């Protein structure tokens, strides 16, 4: 999915902390990422429940998707 700013959503999470971890992972990999909360319901300025979307520039989307897929695979218990 691409939005009006040319950003591509590379992941969607139900919990804010997982989305924040993905943003950190991508930024550690040299990819600028943003967390979109999509008008989530919660308390205060940082709602705890999603969906939360992680988006990157379209030029970085394929690399970001690979990093996210690797992280999801590594974080799943056997």
N, C-alpha and C. Protein backbone atom coordinates (compact mmCIF):
# COMPACT_ATOMS: atom_id res chain seq x y z
N UNK A 1 0.83 -1.16 0.00
CA UNK A 1 0.00 0.00 0.00
C UNK A 1 0.89 1.24 0.00
N UNK A 2 0.61 2.19 -0.88
CA UNK A 2 1.36 3.45 -0.97
C UNK A 2 0.41 4.58 -0.62
N UNK A 3 0.90 5.51 0.23
CA UNK A 3 0.03 6.64 0.56
C UNK A 3 0.42 7.87 -0.26
N UNK A 4 -0.25 8.98 0.01
CA UNK A 4 -0.06 10.20 -0.77
C UNK A 4 1.35 10.76 -0.67
N UNK A 5 2.06 10.44 0.40
CA UNK A 5 3.42 10.93 0.58
C UNK A 5 4.46 10.04 -0.09
N UNK A 6 4.03 9.01 -0.79
CA UNK A 6 4.95 8.09 -1.43
C UNK A 6 5.52 7.06 -0.46
N UNK A 7 4.86 6.88 0.68
CA UNK A 7 5.31 5.89 1.65
C UNK A 7 4.61 4.57 1.39
N UNK A 8 5.32 3.49 1.66
CA UNK A 8 4.80 2.14 1.47
C UNK A 8 4.73 1.47 2.83
N UNK A 9 3.59 0.91 3.18
CA UNK A 9 3.44 0.18 4.43
C UNK A 9 4.09 -1.19 4.26
N UNK A 10 5.06 -1.50 5.14
CA UNK A 10 5.78 -2.76 5.05
C UNK A 10 5.41 -3.72 6.18
N UNK A 11 4.67 -3.23 7.18
CA UNK A 11 4.25 -4.09 8.28
C UNK A 11 3.07 -3.46 9.00
N UNK A 12 2.28 -4.31 9.62
CA UNK A 12 1.17 -3.86 10.45
C UNK A 12 1.19 -4.70 11.72
N UNK A 13 1.05 -4.03 12.86
CA UNK A 13 1.12 -4.70 14.16
C UNK A 13 -0.06 -4.29 15.02
N UNK A 14 -0.48 -5.20 15.91
CA UNK A 14 -1.55 -4.87 16.84
C UNK A 14 -1.03 -4.14 18.07
N UNK A 15 0.24 -4.29 18.38
CA UNK A 15 0.82 -3.68 19.58
C UNK A 15 1.87 -2.64 19.20
N UNK A 16 1.80 -1.49 19.88
CA UNK A 16 2.73 -0.40 19.59
C UNK A 16 4.18 -0.83 19.76
N UNK A 17 4.50 -1.58 20.81
CA UNK A 17 5.90 -1.92 21.07
C UNK A 17 6.51 -2.74 19.93
N UNK A 18 5.72 -3.61 19.30
CA UNK A 18 6.24 -4.39 18.16
C UNK A 18 6.53 -3.48 16.97
N UNK A 19 5.63 -2.54 16.71
CA UNK A 19 5.83 -1.60 15.61
C UNK A 19 7.05 -0.73 15.87
N UNK A 20 7.24 -0.30 17.12
CA UNK A 20 8.40 0.52 17.45
C UNK A 20 9.70 -0.27 17.27
N UNK A 21 9.68 -1.55 17.61
CA UNK A 21 10.86 -2.40 17.39
C UNK A 21 11.18 -2.51 15.90
N UNK A 22 10.15 -2.65 15.08
CA UNK A 22 10.38 -2.72 13.63
C UNK A 22 10.96 -1.42 13.09
N UNK A 23 10.47 -0.29 13.58
CA UNK A 23 11.02 1.00 13.15
C UNK A 23 12.50 1.07 13.51
N UNK A 24 12.85 0.66 14.72
CA UNK A 24 14.26 0.65 15.14
C UNK A 24 15.10 -0.28 14.27
N UNK A 25 14.58 -1.47 13.98
CA UNK A 25 15.28 -2.44 13.14
C UNK A 25 15.58 -1.84 11.77
N UNK A 26 14.57 -1.22 11.17
CA UNK A 26 14.74 -0.63 9.85
C UNK A 26 15.73 0.53 9.89
N UNK A 27 15.61 1.38 10.90
CA UNK A 27 16.53 2.51 10.99
C UNK A 27 17.96 2.06 11.25
N UNK A 28 18.14 0.99 12.03
CA UNK A 28 19.48 0.41 12.22
C UNK A 28 20.04 -0.11 10.90
N UNK A 29 19.14 -0.51 9.99
CA UNK A 29 19.55 -0.99 8.67
C UNK A 29 19.70 0.14 7.65
N UNK A 30 19.59 1.39 8.12
CA UNK A 30 19.78 2.53 7.23
C UNK A 30 18.54 2.97 6.47
N UNK A 31 17.38 2.49 6.90
CA UNK A 31 16.12 2.83 6.22
C UNK A 31 15.30 3.73 7.14
N UNK A 32 14.91 4.87 6.64
CA UNK A 32 14.04 5.76 7.41
C UNK A 32 12.64 5.17 7.43
N UNK A 33 12.08 5.01 8.63
CA UNK A 33 10.76 4.40 8.79
C UNK A 33 9.90 5.28 9.69
N UNK A 34 8.60 5.22 9.46
CA UNK A 34 7.67 5.97 10.29
C UNK A 34 6.60 5.02 10.83
N UNK A 35 6.10 5.37 12.00
CA UNK A 35 5.04 4.62 12.64
C UNK A 35 3.75 5.40 12.48
N UNK A 36 2.76 4.77 11.86
CA UNK A 36 1.45 5.39 11.68
C UNK A 36 0.47 4.65 12.57
N UNK A 37 -0.28 5.41 13.40
CA UNK A 37 -1.20 4.73 14.31
C UNK A 37 -2.61 4.59 13.77
N UNK A 38 -2.92 5.21 12.67
CA UNK A 38 -4.20 5.01 12.01
C UNK A 38 -5.41 5.35 12.86
N UNK A 39 -5.25 6.29 13.79
CA UNK A 39 -6.39 6.67 14.63
C UNK A 39 -6.76 5.61 15.64
N UNK A 40 -5.75 4.98 16.21
CA UNK A 40 -5.98 3.90 17.16
C UNK A 40 -6.70 4.39 18.41
N UNK A 41 -7.38 3.47 19.05
CA UNK A 41 -8.07 3.78 20.30
C UNK A 41 -7.13 3.46 21.45
N UNK A 42 -6.99 4.39 22.36
CA UNK A 42 -6.11 4.15 23.50
C UNK A 42 -6.18 5.32 24.45
N UNK A 43 -5.18 5.43 25.29
CA UNK A 43 -5.14 6.47 26.30
C UNK A 43 -3.97 7.39 26.04
N UNK A 44 -4.18 8.68 26.19
CA UNK A 44 -3.10 9.64 26.03
C UNK A 44 -2.70 9.80 24.58
N UNK A 45 -1.49 10.34 24.40
CA UNK A 45 -1.03 10.64 23.04
C UNK A 45 -0.43 9.45 22.33
N UNK A 46 -0.16 8.36 23.04
CA UNK A 46 0.42 7.16 22.42
C UNK A 46 -0.50 5.97 22.71
N UNK A 47 -1.47 5.75 21.86
CA UNK A 47 -2.38 4.64 22.11
C UNK A 47 -1.64 3.30 22.09
N UNK A 48 -1.99 2.38 23.02
CA UNK A 48 -1.28 1.11 23.11
C UNK A 48 -1.73 0.05 22.13
N UNK A 49 -2.95 0.20 21.57
CA UNK A 49 -3.49 -0.84 20.72
C UNK A 49 -3.71 -0.33 19.30
N UNK A 50 -3.47 -1.16 18.32
CA UNK A 50 -3.45 -0.78 16.92
C UNK A 50 -4.73 -0.90 16.20
N UNK A 51 -4.60 -0.96 14.91
CA UNK A 51 -3.38 -1.37 14.20
C UNK A 51 -2.38 -0.23 14.05
N UNK A 52 -1.13 -0.60 14.08
CA UNK A 52 -0.02 0.32 13.84
C UNK A 52 0.66 -0.12 12.56
N UNK A 53 0.92 0.83 11.69
CA UNK A 53 1.57 0.52 10.41
C UNK A 53 2.96 1.12 10.40
N UNK A 54 3.90 0.35 9.86
CA UNK A 54 5.28 0.82 9.68
C UNK A 54 5.45 1.08 8.19
N UNK A 55 5.83 2.31 7.85
CA UNK A 55 5.95 2.70 6.45
C UNK A 55 7.34 3.24 6.15
N UNK A 56 7.77 3.05 4.91
CA UNK A 56 9.07 3.52 4.43
C UNK A 56 8.89 4.17 3.07
N UNK A 57 9.94 4.87 2.61
CA UNK A 57 9.89 5.43 1.25
C UNK A 57 9.82 4.29 0.24
N UNK A 58 9.16 4.56 -0.86
CA UNK A 58 8.97 3.52 -1.87
C UNK A 58 10.30 2.96 -2.38
N UNK A 59 11.34 3.79 -2.43
CA UNK A 59 12.66 3.32 -2.89
C UNK A 59 13.25 2.27 -1.94
N UNK A 60 12.85 2.29 -0.69
CA UNK A 60 13.40 1.37 0.32
C UNK A 60 12.47 0.19 0.61
N UNK A 61 11.32 0.13 -0.04
CA UNK A 61 10.28 -0.82 0.33
C UNK A 61 10.73 -2.29 0.24
N UNK A 62 11.36 -2.67 -0.85
CA UNK A 62 11.74 -4.08 -1.02
C UNK A 62 12.75 -4.52 0.03
N UNK A 63 13.76 -3.70 0.27
CA UNK A 63 14.76 -4.03 1.30
C UNK A 63 14.10 -4.09 2.67
N UNK A 64 13.22 -3.14 2.93
CA UNK A 64 12.52 -3.10 4.22
C UNK A 64 11.67 -4.35 4.41
N UNK A 65 10.97 -4.78 3.37
CA UNK A 65 10.14 -5.98 3.47
C UNK A 65 10.97 -7.21 3.79
N UNK A 66 12.17 -7.28 3.21
CA UNK A 66 13.06 -8.41 3.49
C UNK A 66 13.52 -8.39 4.95
N UNK A 67 13.89 -7.20 5.45
CA UNK A 67 14.30 -7.09 6.85
C UNK A 67 13.17 -7.47 7.79
N UNK A 68 11.97 -6.97 7.50
CA UNK A 68 10.81 -7.27 8.34
C UNK A 68 10.51 -8.76 8.32
N UNK A 69 10.54 -9.37 7.14
CA UNK A 69 10.27 -10.81 7.03
C UNK A 69 11.30 -11.61 7.83
N UNK A 70 12.55 -11.23 7.76
CA UNK A 70 13.58 -11.92 8.53
C UNK A 70 13.37 -11.77 10.02
N UNK A 71 12.93 -10.59 10.45
CA UNK A 71 12.67 -10.36 11.87
C UNK A 71 11.49 -11.18 12.34
N UNK A 72 10.40 -11.20 11.55
CA UNK A 72 9.23 -11.98 11.93
C UNK A 72 9.61 -13.45 12.05
N UNK A 73 10.38 -13.98 11.08
CA UNK A 73 10.78 -15.39 11.10
C UNK A 73 11.63 -15.68 12.34
N UNK A 74 12.54 -14.79 12.68
CA UNK A 74 13.44 -14.99 13.82
C UNK A 74 12.71 -14.85 15.15
N UNK A 75 11.62 -14.09 15.19
CA UNK A 75 10.93 -13.84 16.45
C UNK A 75 9.85 -14.88 16.75
N UNK A 76 9.53 -15.73 15.78
CA UNK A 76 8.53 -16.77 16.00
C UNK A 76 9.14 -17.93 16.77
N UNK A 77 8.47 -18.39 17.84
CA UNK A 77 9.01 -19.55 18.57
C UNK A 77 8.89 -20.83 17.75
N UNK A 78 9.80 -21.73 17.99
CA UNK A 78 9.78 -23.03 17.28
C UNK A 78 8.69 -23.93 17.81
